[in-house]
């Protein structure tokens, strides 16, 4: 999925969790949004990767796109690290990462960024690099851009509006 779709999915997770702990609403939303785009730090073509390109290139050369940063190990370690700072914020951070992994598990792309790694995510990495997922949504395709992104965005706004 594209960064904008990951952000919309992260916003849905963030709004749900912010409703449970309103006094931490802003940090929870920020954590969910950052978590939603963090796994794509493994490619210098992503929103986050362009801003952290030296780190992004190193991660890409070491693990490839949709490698270790798209695994359950990464989800657990990143969530645990943030949980130490604040459990509600850590939960939101993990939820954002989880939305990213779920979205990438059902999406596929074409071109040089996808040929080596393909569709799905390596949930059991480093034990196995086998991908888990289904080829349901083409990255930046009509289903993502005309159906998923608008509806998820509207849902996030509608949920957020209730919090205001």
C-alpha atoms as a PDB file:
ATOM      1  CA  UNK A   1       0.000   0.000   0.000  1.00  0.00           C
ATOM      2  CA  UNK A   2       1.001   3.581  -0.418  1.00  0.00           C
ATOM      3  CA  UNK A   3       2.022   5.744   2.538  1.00  0.00           C
ATOM      4  CA  UNK A   4      -1.215   7.712   2.468  1.00  0.00           C
ATOM      5  CA  UNK A   5      -3.242   4.508   2.855  1.00  0.00           C
ATOM      6  CA  UNK A   6      -1.009   3.305   5.682  1.00  0.00           C
ATOM      7  CA  UNK A   7      -1.538   6.661   7.407  1.00  0.00           C
ATOM      8  CA  UNK A   8      -5.326   6.423   6.997  1.00  0.00           C
ATOM      9  CA  UNK A   9      -5.342   2.919   8.487  1.00  0.00           C
ATOM     10  CA  UNK A  10      -3.098   4.084  11.322  1.00  0.00           C
ATOM     11  CA  UNK A  11      -5.491   6.980  11.950  1.00  0.00           C
ATOM     12  CA  UNK A  12      -8.381   4.548  12.403  1.00  0.00           C
ATOM     13  CA  UNK A  13      -6.365   2.568  14.960  1.00  0.00           C
ATOM     14  CA  UNK A  14      -5.234   5.770  16.672  1.00  0.00           C
ATOM     15  CA  UNK A  15      -8.724   7.241  16.940  1.00  0.00           C
ATOM     16  CA  UNK A  16     -10.099   4.024  18.446  1.00  0.00           C
ATOM     17  CA  UNK A  17      -7.314   3.918  21.044  1.00  0.00           C
ATOM     18  CA  UNK A  18      -7.427   7.668  21.740  1.00  0.00           C
ATOM     19  CA  UNK A  19     -11.113   7.320  22.596  1.00  0.00           C
ATOM     20  CA  UNK A  20     -10.148   4.896  25.373  1.00  0.00           C
ATOM     21  CA  UNK A  21      -7.562   7.280  26.876  1.00  0.00           C
ATOM     22  CA  UNK A  22      -8.597  10.839  25.931  1.00  0.00           C
ATOM     23  CA  UNK A  23      -5.971  12.559  28.111  1.00  0.00           C
ATOM     24  CA  UNK A  24      -3.284  10.926  25.945  1.00  0.00           C
ATOM     25  CA  UNK A  25      -5.154  11.440  22.687  1.00  0.00           C
ATOM     26  CA  UNK A  26      -2.452  13.408  20.865  1.00  0.00           C
ATOM     27  CA  UNK A  27       0.503  11.129  21.758  1.00  0.00           C
ATOM     28  CA  UNK A  28      -1.622   8.072  20.963  1.00  0.00           C
ATOM     29  CA  UNK A  29      -2.570   9.447  17.533  1.00  0.00           C
ATOM     30  CA  UNK A  30       1.036  10.404  16.797  1.00  0.00           C
ATOM     31  CA  UNK A  31       2.294   6.958  17.820  1.00  0.00           C
ATOM     32  CA  UNK A  32      -0.295   5.156  15.686  1.00  0.00           C
ATOM     33  CA  UNK A  33       0.515   7.316  12.655  1.00  0.00           C
ATOM     34  CA  UNK A  34       4.280   6.898  13.029  1.00  0.00           C
ATOM     35  CA  UNK A  35       3.846   3.165  13.594  1.00  0.00           C
ATOM     36  CA  UNK A  36       1.709   2.940  10.465  1.00  0.00           C
ATOM     37  CA  UNK A  37       4.561   4.143   8.239  1.00  0.00           C
ATOM     38  CA  UNK A  38       7.568   2.866  10.222  1.00  0.00           C
ATOM     39  CA  UNK A  39       7.917  -0.568   8.536  1.00  0.00           C
ATOM     40  CA  UNK A  40       8.572   1.149   5.199  1.00  0.00           C
ATOM     41  CA  UNK A  41      11.743   2.729   6.573  1.00  0.00           C
ATOM     42  CA  UNK A  42      13.255  -0.221   4.664  1.00  0.00           C
ATOM     43  CA  UNK A  43      12.899   1.587   1.340  1.00  0.00           C
ATOM     44  CA  UNK A  44      14.199   5.042   0.380  1.00  0.00           C
ATOM     45  CA  UNK A  45      11.086   5.472  -1.802  1.00  0.00           C
ATOM     46  CA  UNK A  46       8.688   5.666   1.162  1.00  0.00           C
ATOM     47  CA  UNK A  47       7.558   8.791   3.014  1.00  0.00           C
ATOM     48  CA  UNK A  48       9.741   7.974   5.995  1.00  0.00           C
ATOM     49  CA  UNK A  49      12.562   6.466   3.936  1.00  0.00           C
ATOM     50  CA  UNK A  50      13.009   9.702   1.967  1.00  0.00           C
ATOM     51  CA  UNK A  51      13.507  11.610   5.211  1.00  0.00           C
ATOM     52  CA  UNK A  52      15.847   9.020   6.711  1.00  0.00           C
ATOM     53  CA  UNK A  53      17.491   7.959   3.441  1.00  0.00           C
ATOM     54  CA  UNK A  54      20.952   6.999   4.797  1.00  0.00           C
ATOM     55  CA  UNK A  55      19.361   4.663   7.349  1.00  0.00           C
ATOM     56  CA  UNK A  56      16.765   3.552   4.825  1.00  0.00           C
ATOM     57  CA  UNK A  57      19.393   2.552   2.265  1.00  0.00           C
ATOM     58  CA  UNK A  58      21.315   0.545   4.861  1.00  0.00           C
ATOM     59  CA  UNK A  59      18.163  -1.302   5.937  1.00  0.00           C
ATOM     60  CA  UNK A  60      17.189  -1.923   2.303  1.00  0.00           C
ATOM     61  CA  UNK A  61      20.629  -3.312   1.440  1.00  0.00           C
ATOM     62  CA  UNK A  62      20.653  -5.501   4.564  1.00  0.00           C
ATOM     63  CA  UNK A  63      17.092  -6.840   4.680  1.00  0.00           C
ATOM     64  CA  UNK A  64      15.416  -5.772   1.418  1.00  0.00           C
ATOM     65  CA  UNK A  65      11.957  -4.225   1.112  1.00  0.00           C
ATOM     66  CA  UNK A  66       9.257  -6.073   3.026  1.00  0.00           C
ATOM     67  CA  UNK A  67      11.925  -7.897   4.995  1.00  0.00           C
ATOM     68  CA  UNK A  68      12.639  -7.738   8.729  1.00  0.00           C
ATOM     69  CA  UNK A  69      10.726  -4.504   9.333  1.00  0.00           C
ATOM     70  CA  UNK A  70       7.589  -6.278   8.096  1.00  0.00           C
ATOM     71  CA  UNK A  71       7.779  -9.127  10.614  1.00  0.00           C
ATOM     72  CA  UNK A  72       6.167 -10.126  13.909  1.00  0.00           C
ATOM     73  CA  UNK A  73       9.570  -9.799  15.594  1.00  0.00           C
ATOM     74  CA  UNK A  74       9.793  -6.147  14.523  1.00  0.00           C
ATOM     75  CA  UNK A  75       6.206  -5.526  15.663  1.00  0.00           C
ATOM     76  CA  UNK A  76       6.852  -7.052  19.089  1.00  0.00           C
ATOM     77  CA  UNK A  77      10.239  -5.374  19.679  1.00  0.00           C
ATOM     78  CA  UNK A  78       9.100  -1.925  18.531  1.00  0.00           C
ATOM     79  CA  UNK A  79       5.902  -2.145  20.583  1.00  0.00           C
ATOM     80  CA  UNK A  80       7.798  -3.329  23.667  1.00  0.00           C
ATOM     81  CA  UNK A  81      10.312  -0.476  23.364  1.00  0.00           C
ATOM     82  CA  UNK A  82       7.513   2.104  23.213  1.00  0.00           C
ATOM     83  CA  UNK A  83       5.511   0.279  25.926  1.00  0.00           C
ATOM     84  CA  UNK A  84       8.371   0.959  28.359  1.00  0.00           C
ATOM     85  CA  UNK A  85       7.868   4.694  27.798  1.00  0.00           C
ATOM     86  CA  UNK A  86       4.054   4.593  28.033  1.00  0.00           C
ATOM     87  CA  UNK A  87       1.821   1.507  27.784  1.00  0.00           C
ATOM     88  CA  UNK A  88      -1.101   3.281  26.028  1.00  0.00           C
ATOM     89  CA  UNK A  89       1.258   4.970  23.559  1.00  0.00           C
ATOM     90  CA  UNK A  90       3.118   1.693  23.051  1.00  0.00           C
ATOM     91  CA  UNK A  91      -0.148  -0.054  22.277  1.00  0.00           C
ATOM     92  CA  UNK A  92      -1.018   2.620  19.704  1.00  0.00           C
ATOM     93  CA  UNK A  93       2.452   2.376  18.163  1.00  0.00           C
ATOM     94  CA  UNK A  94       2.064  -1.387  17.851  1.00  0.00           C
ATOM     95  CA  UNK A  95      -1.441  -1.015  16.439  1.00  0.00           C
ATOM     96  CA  UNK A  96      -0.099   1.323  13.766  1.00  0.00           C
ATOM     97  CA  UNK A  97       2.596  -1.190  12.813  1.00  0.00           C
ATOM     98  CA  UNK A  98       0.001  -3.988  12.818  1.00  0.00           C
ATOM     99  CA  UNK A  99      -2.217  -2.065  10.382  1.00  0.00           C
ATOM    100  CA  UNK A 100       0.800  -1.665   8.109  1.00  0.00           C
ATOM    101  CA  UNK A 101       1.619  -5.370   8.175  1.00  0.00           C
ATOM    102  CA  UNK A 102      -2.024  -6.327   7.551  1.00  0.00           C
ATOM    103  CA  UNK A 103      -2.304  -3.948   4.596  1.00  0.00           C
ATOM    104  CA  UNK A 104       0.947  -5.140   3.045  1.00  0.00           C
ATOM    105  CA  UNK A 105      -0.103  -8.755   3.556  1.00  0.00           C
ATOM    106  CA  UNK A 106      -2.945  -8.260   1.079  1.00  0.00           C
ATOM    107  CA  UNK A 107      -1.185  -5.969  -1.392  1.00  0.00           C
ATOM    108  CA  UNK A 108       1.200  -6.545  -4.268  1.00  0.00           C
ATOM    109  CA  UNK A 109       3.152  -4.346  -6.626  1.00  0.00           C
ATOM    110  CA  UNK A 110       5.210  -4.435  -9.779  1.00  0.00           C
ATOM    111  CA  UNK A 111       8.621  -3.079 -10.639  1.00  0.00           C
ATOM    112  CA  UNK A 112      12.081  -3.238  -9.148  1.00  0.00           C
ATOM    113  CA  UNK A 113      10.919  -2.593  -5.575  1.00  0.00           C
ATOM    114  CA  UNK A 114       8.706  -5.684  -5.566  1.00  0.00           C
ATOM    115  CA  UNK A 115      10.377  -8.274  -7.805  1.00  0.00           C
ATOM    116  CA  UNK A 116      12.786  -9.620  -5.182  1.00  0.00           C
ATOM    117  CA  UNK A 117      10.336  -9.686  -2.296  1.00  0.00           C
ATOM    118  CA  UNK A 118       6.918  -9.922  -3.979  1.00  0.00           C
ATOM    119  CA  UNK A 119       3.586  -9.838  -2.222  1.00  0.00           C
ATOM    120  CA  UNK A 120       2.865 -10.494   1.424  1.00  0.00           C
ATOM    121  CA  UNK A 121       4.998 -10.058   4.525  1.00  0.00           C
ATOM    122  CA  UNK A 122       7.551 -12.376   6.175  1.00  0.00           C
ATOM    123  CA  UNK A 123       5.745 -12.648   9.524  1.00  0.00           C
ATOM    124  CA  UNK A 124       8.054 -15.388  10.811  1.00  0.00           C
ATOM    125  CA  UNK A 125      11.299 -13.616   9.872  1.00  0.00           C
ATOM    126  CA  UNK A 126      14.132 -14.382  10.831  1.00  0.00           C
ATOM    127  CA  UNK A 127      13.033 -18.015  11.163  1.00  0.00           C
ATOM    128  CA  UNK A 128      11.612 -17.969   7.649  1.00  0.00           C
ATOM    129  CA  UNK A 129      11.533 -15.475   4.801  1.00  0.00           C
ATOM    130  CA  UNK A 130       8.388 -17.099   3.402  1.00  0.00           C
ATOM    131  CA  UNK A 131       5.705 -14.492   2.744  1.00  0.00           C
ATOM    132  CA  UNK A 132       2.268 -14.627   4.345  1.00  0.00           C
ATOM    133  CA  UNK A 133      -0.535 -12.900   2.521  1.00  0.00           C
ATOM    134  CA  UNK A 134      -2.835 -12.715  -0.453  1.00  0.00           C
ATOM    135  CA  UNK A 135      -2.519 -10.802  -3.708  1.00  0.00           C
ATOM    136  CA  UNK A 136      -5.765  -8.837  -3.380  1.00  0.00           C
ATOM    137  CA  UNK A 137      -4.893  -5.153  -3.820  1.00  0.00           C
ATOM    138  CA  UNK A 138      -2.443  -3.699  -6.339  1.00  0.00           C
ATOM    139  CA  UNK A 139      -0.253  -1.039  -4.732  1.00  0.00           C
ATOM    140  CA  UNK A 140      -1.389   2.390  -5.991  1.00  0.00           C
ATOM    141  CA  UNK A 141      -4.083   0.684  -8.058  1.00  0.00           C
ATOM    142  CA  UNK A 142      -7.735   1.654  -8.463  1.00  0.00           C
ATOM    143  CA  UNK A 143      -8.982  -0.487  -5.563  1.00  0.00           C
ATOM    144  CA  UNK A 144      -6.546   1.173  -3.171  1.00  0.00           C
ATOM    145  CA  UNK A 145      -7.022   4.722  -4.470  1.00  0.00           C
ATOM    146  CA  UNK A 146     -10.738   4.771  -5.292  1.00  0.00           C
ATOM    147  CA  UNK A 147     -12.193   2.465  -2.638  1.00  0.00           C
ATOM    148  CA  UNK A 148      -9.928   1.667   0.311  1.00  0.00           C
ATOM    149  CA  UNK A 149      -8.244   5.051   0.833  1.00  0.00           C
ATOM    150  CA  UNK A 150     -11.389   7.222   0.625  1.00  0.00           C
ATOM    151  CA  UNK A 151     -13.522   4.919   2.786  1.00  0.00           C
ATOM    152  CA  UNK A 152     -10.855   4.402   5.442  1.00  0.00           C
ATOM    153  CA  UNK A 153     -10.177   8.148   5.536  1.00  0.00           C
ATOM    154  CA  UNK A 154     -13.879   8.949   5.899  1.00  0.00           C
ATOM    155  CA  UNK A 155     -14.197   6.354   8.641  1.00  0.00           C
ATOM    156  CA  UNK A 156     -11.222   7.826  10.549  1.00  0.00           C
ATOM    157  CA  UNK A 157     -12.645  11.355  10.241  1.00  0.00           C
ATOM    158  CA  UNK A 158     -16.089  10.194  11.358  1.00  0.00           C
ATOM    159  CA  UNK A 159     -14.615   8.423  14.403  1.00  0.00           C
ATOM    160  CA  UNK A 160     -12.392  11.397  15.205  1.00  0.00           C
ATOM    161  CA  UNK A 161     -15.279  13.821  14.915  1.00  0.00           C
ATOM    162  CA  UNK A 162     -16.994  12.031  17.789  1.00  0.00           C
ATOM    163  CA  UNK A 163     -13.978  12.734  20.007  1.00  0.00           C
ATOM    164  CA  UNK A 164     -14.076  16.475  19.420  1.00  0.00           C
END
